[in-house]
C-alpha atoms as a PDB file:
ATOM      1  CA  UNK A   1      22.449  -6.203  17.565  1.00  0.00           C
ATOM      2  CA  UNK A   2      18.833  -6.626  16.458  1.00  0.00           C
ATOM      3  CA  UNK A   3      17.658  -5.879  12.949  1.00  0.00           C
ATOM      4  CA  UNK A   4      15.660  -2.691  12.435  1.00  0.00           C
ATOM      5  CA  UNK A   5      12.684  -2.608  10.088  1.00  0.00           C
ATOM      6  CA  UNK A   6      10.946   0.573   8.964  1.00  0.00           C
ATOM      7  CA  UNK A   7       7.526   0.118   7.350  1.00  0.00           C
ATOM      8  CA  UNK A   8       5.282   2.517   5.441  1.00  0.00           C
ATOM      9  CA  UNK A   9       1.844   1.873   3.954  1.00  0.00           C
ATOM     10  CA  UNK A  10      -0.558   3.916   1.892  1.00  0.00           C
ATOM     11  CA  UNK A  11      -4.253   3.109   2.290  1.00  0.00           C
ATOM     12  CA  UNK A  12      -7.548   4.364   0.924  1.00  0.00           C
ATOM     13  CA  UNK A  13      -8.672   5.505   4.371  1.00  0.00           C
ATOM     14  CA  UNK A  14      -8.312   5.059   8.095  1.00  0.00           C
ATOM     15  CA  UNK A  15     -10.972   2.359   8.550  1.00  0.00           C
ATOM     16  CA  UNK A  16      -9.605  -1.082   9.436  1.00  0.00           C
ATOM     17  CA  UNK A  17     -10.976  -2.487   6.163  1.00  0.00           C
ATOM     18  CA  UNK A  18      -9.541   0.280   3.961  1.00  0.00           C
ATOM     19  CA  UNK A  19      -7.483  -1.267   1.150  1.00  0.00           C
ATOM     20  CA  UNK A  20      -3.710  -0.975   1.328  1.00  0.00           C
ATOM     21  CA  UNK A  21      -2.510   0.101  -2.098  1.00  0.00           C
ATOM     22  CA  UNK A  22       1.222   0.641  -1.445  1.00  0.00           C
ATOM     23  CA  UNK A  23       3.734  -0.977   0.905  1.00  0.00           C
ATOM     24  CA  UNK A  24       7.393  -0.188   1.502  1.00  0.00           C
ATOM     25  CA  UNK A  25       9.945  -1.448   4.012  1.00  0.00           C
ATOM     26  CA  UNK A  26      13.620  -1.020   4.797  1.00  0.00           C
ATOM     27  CA  UNK A  27      15.454  -3.643   6.839  1.00  0.00           C
ATOM     28  CA  UNK A  28      18.811  -2.803   8.383  1.00  0.00           C
ATOM     29  CA  UNK A  29      20.916  -5.707   9.586  1.00  0.00           C
ATOM     30  CA  UNK A  30      24.417  -4.849  10.705  1.00  0.00           C
ATOM     31  CA  UNK A  31      26.062  -3.060   7.777  1.00  0.00           C
ATOM     32  CA  UNK A  32      23.543  -4.213   5.168  1.00  0.00           C
ATOM     33  CA  UNK A  33      20.237  -2.735   4.109  1.00  0.00           C
ATOM     34  CA  UNK A  34      17.399  -4.334   2.146  1.00  0.00           C
ATOM     35  CA  UNK A  35      14.564  -2.354   0.607  1.00  0.00           C
ATOM     36  CA  UNK A  36      11.201  -3.575  -0.649  1.00  0.00           C
ATOM     37  CA  UNK A  37       8.452  -1.607  -2.363  1.00  0.00           C
ATOM     38  CA  UNK A  38       5.264  -2.743  -4.078  1.00  0.00           C
ATOM     39  CA  UNK A  39       1.799  -1.726  -5.102  1.00  0.00           C
ATOM     40  CA  UNK A  40      -0.957  -4.014  -3.843  1.00  0.00           C
ATOM     41  CA  UNK A  41      -3.876  -4.851  -6.090  1.00  0.00           C
ATOM     42  CA  UNK A  42      -7.400  -4.114  -4.949  1.00  0.00           C
ATOM     43  CA  UNK A  43     -10.826  -3.606  -6.452  1.00  0.00           C
ATOM     44  CA  UNK A  44     -10.838  -0.206  -8.145  1.00  0.00           C
ATOM     45  CA  UNK A  45     -12.816   2.488  -6.339  1.00  0.00           C
ATOM     46  CA  UNK A  46     -16.483   2.545  -7.236  1.00  0.00           C
ATOM     47  CA  UNK A  47     -16.677  -0.964  -8.708  1.00  0.00           C
ATOM     48  CA  UNK A  48     -17.299  -3.368  -5.842  1.00  0.00           C
ATOM     49  CA  UNK A  49     -17.336  -1.350  -2.656  1.00  0.00           C
ATOM     50  CA  UNK A  50     -21.027  -0.799  -1.967  1.00  0.00           C
ATOM     51  CA  UNK A  51     -21.406   1.674   0.850  1.00  0.00           C
ATOM     52  CA  UNK A  52     -17.643   2.380   0.967  1.00  0.00           C
ATOM     53  CA  UNK A  53     -16.814   5.191  -1.441  1.00  0.00           C
ATOM     54  CA  UNK A  54     -13.182   5.318  -0.387  1.00  0.00           C
ATOM     55  CA  UNK A  55     -11.836   8.078  -2.598  1.00  0.00           C
ATOM     56  CA  UNK A  56     -14.595  10.639  -1.913  1.00  0.00           C
ATOM     57  CA  UNK A  57     -13.816  10.310   1.806  1.00  0.00           C
ATOM     58  CA  UNK A  58     -10.135  11.198   1.368  1.00  0.00           C
ATOM     59  CA  UNK A  59      -8.664  14.716   1.283  1.00  0.00           C
ATOM     60  CA  UNK A  60      -7.942  15.824  -2.318  1.00  0.00           C
ATOM     61  CA  UNK A  61      -4.124  15.633  -1.971  1.00  0.00           C
ATOM     62  CA  UNK A  62      -4.395  11.924  -1.017  1.00  0.00           C
ATOM     63  CA  UNK A  63      -6.702  11.209  -3.966  1.00  0.00           C
ATOM     64  CA  UNK A  64      -4.326  13.020  -6.329  1.00  0.00           C
ATOM     65  CA  UNK A  65      -1.362  11.030  -4.989  1.00  0.00           C
ATOM     66  CA  UNK A  66      -3.227   7.731  -5.440  1.00  0.00           C
ATOM     67  CA  UNK A  67      -4.299   8.554  -8.983  1.00  0.00           C
ATOM     68  CA  UNK A  68      -0.835   9.782  -9.957  1.00  0.00           C
ATOM     69  CA  UNK A  69       1.241   6.925  -8.519  1.00  0.00           C
ATOM     70  CA  UNK A  70      -0.822   3.728  -8.230  1.00  0.00           C
ATOM     71  CA  UNK A  71       0.137   1.282 -10.992  1.00  0.00           C
ATOM     72  CA  UNK A  72      -2.441  -1.506 -11.257  1.00  0.00           C
ATOM     73  CA  UNK A  73      -0.349  -3.247 -13.912  1.00  0.00           C
ATOM     74  CA  UNK A  74       2.590  -3.617 -11.524  1.00  0.00           C
ATOM     75  CA  UNK A  75       0.506  -4.418  -8.442  1.00  0.00           C
ATOM     76  CA  UNK A  76       0.929  -7.707  -6.594  1.00  0.00           C
ATOM     77  CA  UNK A  77      -1.958  -9.706  -5.192  1.00  0.00           C
ATOM     78  CA  UNK A  78      -2.202  -9.447  -1.383  1.00  0.00           C
ATOM     79  CA  UNK A  79      -0.911 -13.002  -0.900  1.00  0.00           C
ATOM     80  CA  UNK A  80       2.034 -12.353  -3.245  1.00  0.00           C
ATOM     81  CA  UNK A  81       2.990  -9.199  -1.365  1.00  0.00           C
ATOM     82  CA  UNK A  82       2.725 -10.989   1.991  1.00  0.00           C
ATOM     83  CA  UNK A  83       4.979 -13.819   0.808  1.00  0.00           C
ATOM     84  CA  UNK A  84       7.822 -11.476  -0.219  1.00  0.00           C
ATOM     85  CA  UNK A  85      10.796 -11.035   2.071  1.00  0.00           C
END
């Protein structure tokens, strides 16, 4: 039987260059299950995104969720997150 992997991401928009700020995955292999969750570091909104004001483009509930849950102190760099298994 093949493994199943379920993936979820949270981004700061729908554009292909919108930063991913949260990643989660569940891998089911036979009777075992592995879970992974992380925040992904990115340049904070408004600091280095000229012409891309991500948060103002999002619906208020998405902005509230980002502000409430994103933990920059616990965030991995993109390459660190990609190297995790």
